[in-house]
C-alpha cells in the first residue's frame, strides 16, 4: 500500500465512520516478492539477473486482508501493486525519481 492510499483511507474514515471498531485498510490481493522485484526492476530500468535461493525459508505465511468493512462503507481498495492503472506504481515511480533513477514508465 502506498502512503497516498493510506492517507485517502484515513480521510475517508474520518468523514464516514464513527465507531470504536477497527477497520482494516489495505489491498486484498497479494503481491509475491518475485512480482515486486520485477516491478522495481522495470521501474528502475535495471537489467540485472534476479536469482532466488530456493534453500532459504519461504517467508511469512500468506494472509488475505479482510477489507469488507471499509468497502461496505463505500471506500475503495488501492489498486494492487503491479497493475497497469496502479497508484502504487505512481508512488514507486516518484520514489525512484527521488532516489536518482531514471524511472521507466
N, C-alpha and C. Protein backbone atom coordinates (compact mmCIF):
# COMPACT_ATOMS: atom_id res chain seq x y z
N UNK A 1 0.85 -1.17 0.00
CA UNK A 1 0.00 0.00 0.00
C UNK A 1 0.90 1.24 0.00
N UNK A 2 0.58 2.16 -0.85
CA UNK A 2 1.33 3.42 -0.92
C UNK A 2 0.77 4.39 0.12
N UNK A 3 1.60 5.27 0.63
CA UNK A 3 1.19 6.23 1.66
C UNK A 3 0.03 7.10 1.20
N UNK A 4 -0.05 7.44 -0.08
CA UNK A 4 -1.17 8.23 -0.59
C UNK A 4 -2.49 7.49 -0.41
N UNK A 5 -2.47 6.16 -0.60
CA UNK A 5 -3.68 5.35 -0.41
C UNK A 5 -4.07 5.31 1.06
N UNK A 6 -3.09 5.18 1.94
CA UNK A 6 -3.37 5.18 3.38
C UNK A 6 -3.96 6.51 3.81
N UNK A 7 -3.40 7.62 3.32
CA UNK A 7 -3.93 8.94 3.66
C UNK A 7 -5.36 9.09 3.16
N UNK A 8 -5.64 8.65 1.95
CA UNK A 8 -7.00 8.74 1.40
C UNK A 8 -7.98 7.91 2.25
N UNK A 9 -7.56 6.72 2.67
CA UNK A 9 -8.42 5.88 3.50
C UNK A 9 -8.66 6.52 4.86
N UNK A 10 -7.64 7.13 5.45
CA UNK A 10 -7.79 7.79 6.75
C UNK A 10 -8.78 8.95 6.65
N UNK A 11 -8.66 9.75 5.61
CA UNK A 11 -9.59 10.88 5.41
C UNK A 11 -11.00 10.36 5.17
N UNK A 12 -11.13 9.30 4.35
CA UNK A 12 -12.44 8.70 4.10
C UNK A 12 -13.08 8.26 5.41
N UNK A 13 -12.31 7.55 6.24
CA UNK A 13 -12.85 7.05 7.51
C UNK A 13 -13.18 8.18 8.48
N UNK A 14 -12.37 9.23 8.53
CA UNK A 14 -12.69 10.37 9.40
C UNK A 14 -14.01 11.01 9.01
N UNK A 15 -14.33 10.99 7.72
CA UNK A 15 -15.56 11.61 7.24
C UNK A 15 -16.76 10.67 7.22
N UNK A 16 -16.53 9.35 7.28
CA UNK A 16 -17.62 8.40 7.07
C UNK A 16 -17.76 7.31 8.12
N UNK A 17 -16.99 7.37 9.19
CA UNK A 17 -17.02 6.27 10.15
C UNK A 17 -16.95 6.81 11.57
N UNK A 18 -17.88 6.36 12.41
CA UNK A 18 -17.92 6.83 13.79
C UNK A 18 -18.17 5.64 14.72
N UNK A 19 -17.19 4.80 14.86
CA UNK A 19 -17.30 3.61 15.71
C UNK A 19 -15.93 3.27 16.27
N UNK A 20 -15.90 2.68 17.47
CA UNK A 20 -14.60 2.28 18.03
C UNK A 20 -14.06 0.99 17.42
N UNK A 21 -14.85 0.31 16.57
CA UNK A 21 -14.39 -0.93 15.96
C UNK A 21 -13.28 -0.67 14.95
N UNK A 22 -12.34 -1.59 14.88
CA UNK A 22 -11.20 -1.48 13.97
C UNK A 22 -11.64 -1.71 12.53
N UNK A 23 -11.05 -0.95 11.62
CA UNK A 23 -11.30 -1.11 10.19
C UNK A 23 -9.97 -1.39 9.52
N UNK A 24 -9.90 -2.51 8.81
CA UNK A 24 -8.69 -2.83 8.04
C UNK A 24 -8.63 -1.96 6.80
N UNK A 25 -7.44 -1.48 6.52
CA UNK A 25 -7.20 -0.69 5.31
C UNK A 25 -6.04 -1.36 4.60
N UNK A 26 -6.24 -1.68 3.35
CA UNK A 26 -5.16 -2.33 2.62
C UNK A 26 -5.63 -2.87 1.30
N UNK A 27 -4.89 -3.81 0.78
CA UNK A 27 -5.16 -4.41 -0.52
C UNK A 27 -5.45 -5.88 -0.29
N UNK A 28 -6.56 -6.35 -0.87
CA UNK A 28 -6.92 -7.76 -0.72
C UNK A 28 -5.95 -8.68 -1.43
N UNK A 29 -5.47 -8.25 -2.58
CA UNK A 29 -4.62 -9.10 -3.41
C UNK A 29 -3.20 -9.14 -2.89
N UNK A 30 -2.62 -10.32 -2.97
CA UNK A 30 -1.23 -10.49 -2.56
C UNK A 30 -0.29 -10.14 -3.70
N UNK A 31 0.89 -9.70 -3.35
CA UNK A 31 1.95 -9.48 -4.33
C UNK A 31 3.13 -10.31 -3.86
N UNK A 32 3.61 -11.18 -4.70
CA UNK A 32 4.75 -12.01 -4.32
C UNK A 32 6.03 -11.17 -4.35
N UNK A 33 7.03 -11.64 -3.66
CA UNK A 33 8.33 -10.96 -3.69
C UNK A 33 8.85 -10.93 -5.12
N UNK A 34 8.66 -12.01 -5.87
CA UNK A 34 9.11 -12.05 -7.26
C UNK A 34 8.41 -10.98 -8.10
N UNK A 35 7.09 -10.81 -7.91
CA UNK A 35 6.35 -9.78 -8.64
C UNK A 35 6.86 -8.38 -8.27
N UNK A 36 7.08 -8.15 -6.99
CA UNK A 36 7.56 -6.86 -6.54
C UNK A 36 8.96 -6.57 -7.08
N UNK A 37 9.83 -7.58 -7.06
CA UNK A 37 11.18 -7.42 -7.59
C UNK A 37 11.13 -7.06 -9.07
N UNK A 38 10.28 -7.75 -9.83
CA UNK A 38 10.15 -7.46 -11.26
C UNK A 38 9.61 -6.05 -11.50
N UNK A 39 8.68 -5.60 -10.66
CA UNK A 39 8.15 -4.24 -10.79
C UNK A 39 9.23 -3.21 -10.52
N UNK A 40 9.98 -3.39 -9.44
CA UNK A 40 11.07 -2.46 -9.12
C UNK A 40 12.13 -2.49 -10.23
N UNK A 41 12.42 -3.68 -10.72
CA UNK A 41 13.41 -3.82 -11.80
C UNK A 41 12.96 -3.05 -13.04
N UNK A 42 11.68 -3.17 -13.40
CA UNK A 42 11.19 -2.49 -14.60
C UNK A 42 11.15 -0.98 -14.41
N UNK A 43 10.78 -0.52 -13.23
CA UNK A 43 10.73 0.92 -12.96
C UNK A 43 12.13 1.53 -12.98
N UNK A 44 13.07 0.81 -12.41
CA UNK A 44 14.43 1.35 -12.30
C UNK A 44 15.23 1.18 -13.59
N UNK A 45 14.72 0.35 -14.50
CA UNK A 45 15.46 0.09 -15.73
C UNK A 45 16.63 -0.85 -15.53
N UNK A 46 16.66 -1.52 -14.40
CA UNK A 46 17.74 -2.45 -14.07
C UNK A 46 17.73 -3.64 -15.02
N UNK A 47 18.90 -4.05 -15.46
CA UNK A 47 18.99 -5.21 -16.35
C UNK A 47 19.64 -6.41 -15.66
N UNK A 48 19.84 -6.31 -14.36
CA UNK A 48 20.47 -7.40 -13.61
C UNK A 48 19.58 -8.64 -13.60
N UNK A 49 20.22 -9.79 -13.53
CA UNK A 49 19.50 -11.05 -13.40
C UNK A 49 19.11 -11.21 -11.94
N UNK A 50 17.87 -11.56 -11.69
CA UNK A 50 17.40 -11.77 -10.32
C UNK A 50 17.49 -13.26 -10.03
N UNK A 51 18.13 -13.61 -8.92
CA UNK A 51 18.31 -15.01 -8.55
C UNK A 51 17.73 -15.22 -7.16
N UNK A 52 16.87 -16.22 -7.02
CA UNK A 52 16.31 -16.57 -5.72
C UNK A 52 16.99 -17.83 -5.22
N UNK A 53 17.24 -17.89 -3.94
CA UNK A 53 17.88 -19.05 -3.32
C UNK A 53 16.79 -19.96 -2.76
N UNK A 54 16.48 -21.06 -3.45
CA UNK A 54 15.40 -21.95 -3.01
C UNK A 54 15.69 -22.68 -1.70
N UNK A 55 16.91 -22.61 -1.20
CA UNK A 55 17.22 -23.28 0.06
C UNK A 55 16.83 -22.42 1.27
N UNK A 56 16.47 -21.17 1.03
CA UNK A 56 16.10 -20.27 2.12
C UNK A 56 14.61 -20.40 2.44
N UNK A 57 14.22 -20.01 3.64
CA UNK A 57 12.79 -20.08 4.02
C UNK A 57 11.91 -19.30 3.04
N UNK A 58 10.68 -19.73 2.96
CA UNK A 58 9.72 -19.17 2.01
C UNK A 58 9.10 -17.86 2.47
N UNK A 59 9.39 -17.41 3.67
CA UNK A 59 8.81 -16.16 4.17
C UNK A 59 7.62 -16.42 5.07
N UNK A 60 6.87 -15.36 5.33
CA UNK A 60 5.73 -15.48 6.23
C UNK A 60 4.58 -16.20 5.53
N UNK A 61 3.71 -16.85 6.33
CA UNK A 61 2.54 -17.49 5.72
C UNK A 61 1.66 -16.44 5.04
N UNK A 62 0.98 -16.84 4.01
CA UNK A 62 0.13 -15.91 3.28
C UNK A 62 -1.13 -15.61 4.09
N UNK A 63 -1.52 -14.34 4.02
CA UNK A 63 -2.74 -13.90 4.68
C UNK A 63 -3.48 -12.95 3.75
N UNK A 64 -4.76 -13.13 3.63
CA UNK A 64 -5.55 -12.23 2.80
C UNK A 64 -6.22 -11.21 3.71
N UNK A 65 -6.02 -9.94 3.41
CA UNK A 65 -6.58 -8.84 4.19
C UNK A 65 -8.09 -8.79 3.99
N UNK A 66 -8.84 -8.71 5.10
CA UNK A 66 -10.29 -8.56 5.03
C UNK A 66 -10.62 -7.07 5.08
N UNK A 67 -10.95 -6.51 3.93
CA UNK A 67 -11.28 -5.08 3.88
C UNK A 67 -12.77 -4.88 3.60
N UNK A 68 -13.59 -5.88 3.95
CA UNK A 68 -15.01 -5.82 3.67
C UNK A 68 -15.69 -4.64 4.39
N UNK A 69 -15.23 -4.29 5.59
CA UNK A 69 -15.88 -3.20 6.32
C UNK A 69 -15.72 -1.87 5.61
N UNK A 70 -14.50 -1.52 5.19
CA UNK A 70 -14.31 -0.24 4.51
C UNK A 70 -15.01 -0.23 3.15
N UNK A 71 -15.04 -1.38 2.48
CA UNK A 71 -15.75 -1.46 1.20
C UNK A 71 -17.25 -1.28 1.40
N UNK A 72 -17.80 -1.84 2.49
CA UNK A 72 -19.24 -1.69 2.75
C UNK A 72 -19.62 -0.25 3.07
N UNK A 73 -18.66 0.53 3.52
CA UNK A 73 -18.89 1.95 3.80
C UNK A 73 -18.78 2.81 2.55
N UNK A 74 -18.35 2.20 1.45
CA UNK A 74 -18.20 2.94 0.20
C UNK A 74 -16.77 3.30 -0.12
N UNK A 75 -15.85 2.85 0.73
CA UNK A 75 -14.44 3.10 0.47
C UNK A 75 -13.93 2.17 -0.61
N UNK A 76 -12.85 2.53 -1.23
CA UNK A 76 -12.29 1.69 -2.27
C UNK A 76 -10.93 1.17 -1.84
N UNK A 77 -10.57 0.03 -2.35
CA UNK A 77 -9.25 -0.51 -2.05
C UNK A 77 -8.25 0.06 -3.04
N UNK A 78 -7.02 0.24 -2.63
CA UNK A 78 -5.99 0.67 -3.57
C UNK A 78 -5.81 -0.39 -4.66
N UNK A 79 -5.37 0.03 -5.81
CA UNK A 79 -5.09 -0.91 -6.89
C UNK A 79 -3.88 -1.75 -6.48
N UNK A 80 -3.96 -3.07 -6.62
CA UNK A 80 -2.84 -3.92 -6.24
C UNK A 80 -1.55 -3.54 -6.97
N UNK A 81 -0.47 -3.69 -6.27
CA UNK A 81 0.85 -3.36 -6.80
C UNK A 81 1.12 -4.13 -8.08
N UNK A 82 1.61 -3.42 -9.10
CA UNK A 82 1.97 -4.07 -10.34
C UNK A 82 0.90 -4.05 -11.40
N UNK A 83 -0.30 -3.55 -11.09
CA UNK A 83 -1.36 -3.47 -12.09
C UNK A 83 -1.16 -2.21 -12.92
N UNK A 84 -1.73 -2.18 -14.10
CA UNK A 84 -1.48 -1.09 -15.05
C UNK A 84 -1.93 0.28 -14.56
N UNK A 85 -3.12 0.38 -13.97
CA UNK A 85 -3.62 1.68 -13.52
C UNK A 85 -3.34 1.88 -12.04
N UNK A 86 -2.15 1.58 -11.64
CA UNK A 86 -1.78 1.38 -10.26
C UNK A 86 -1.29 2.65 -9.54
N UNK A 87 -1.99 3.09 -8.48
CA UNK A 87 -1.48 4.22 -7.72
C UNK A 87 -0.15 3.91 -7.03
N UNK A 88 0.09 2.62 -6.73
CA UNK A 88 1.38 2.23 -6.16
C UNK A 88 2.49 2.52 -7.14
N UNK A 89 2.23 2.23 -8.41
CA UNK A 89 3.24 2.41 -9.43
C UNK A 89 3.62 3.88 -9.52
N UNK A 90 2.64 4.76 -9.44
CA UNK A 90 2.91 6.19 -9.45
C UNK A 90 3.81 6.54 -8.26
N UNK A 91 3.47 6.04 -7.10
CA UNK A 91 4.29 6.29 -5.91
C UNK A 91 5.67 5.69 -6.04
N UNK A 92 5.75 4.50 -6.62
CA UNK A 92 7.05 3.86 -6.82
C UNK A 92 7.88 4.65 -7.81
N UNK A 93 7.23 5.17 -8.86
CA UNK A 93 7.96 6.00 -9.82
C UNK A 93 8.50 7.25 -9.14
N UNK A 94 7.67 7.92 -8.33
CA UNK A 94 8.13 9.14 -7.64
C UNK A 94 9.30 8.82 -6.73
N UNK A 95 9.22 7.70 -6.00
CA UNK A 95 10.30 7.30 -5.11
C UNK A 95 11.59 7.03 -5.90
N UNK A 96 11.46 6.34 -7.03
CA UNK A 96 12.64 6.03 -7.85
C UNK A 96 13.28 7.31 -8.36
N UNK A 97 12.46 8.25 -8.80
CA UNK A 97 12.99 9.51 -9.30
C UNK A 97 13.70 10.29 -8.19
N UNK A 98 13.10 10.31 -6.99
CA UNK A 98 13.73 10.98 -5.85
C UNK A 98 15.09 10.35 -5.51
N UNK A 99 15.21 9.05 -5.75
CA UNK A 99 16.46 8.34 -5.44
C UNK A 99 17.48 8.45 -6.57
N UNK A 100 17.11 9.17 -7.63
CA UNK A 100 18.06 9.40 -8.72
C UNK A 100 17.95 8.43 -9.88
N UNK A 101 16.95 7.55 -9.86
CA UNK A 101 16.77 6.64 -11.00
C UNK A 101 16.05 7.37 -12.11
N UNK A 102 16.33 7.00 -13.33
CA UNK A 102 15.56 7.48 -14.47
C UNK A 102 14.41 6.49 -14.65
N UNK A 103 13.33 6.69 -13.90
CA UNK A 103 12.24 5.73 -13.85
C UNK A 103 11.64 5.49 -15.21
N UNK A 104 11.47 4.21 -15.55
CA UNK A 104 10.90 3.80 -16.81
C UNK A 104 9.39 3.65 -16.64
N UNK A 105 8.62 4.20 -17.56
CA UNK A 105 7.16 4.11 -17.46
C UNK A 105 6.64 2.75 -17.82
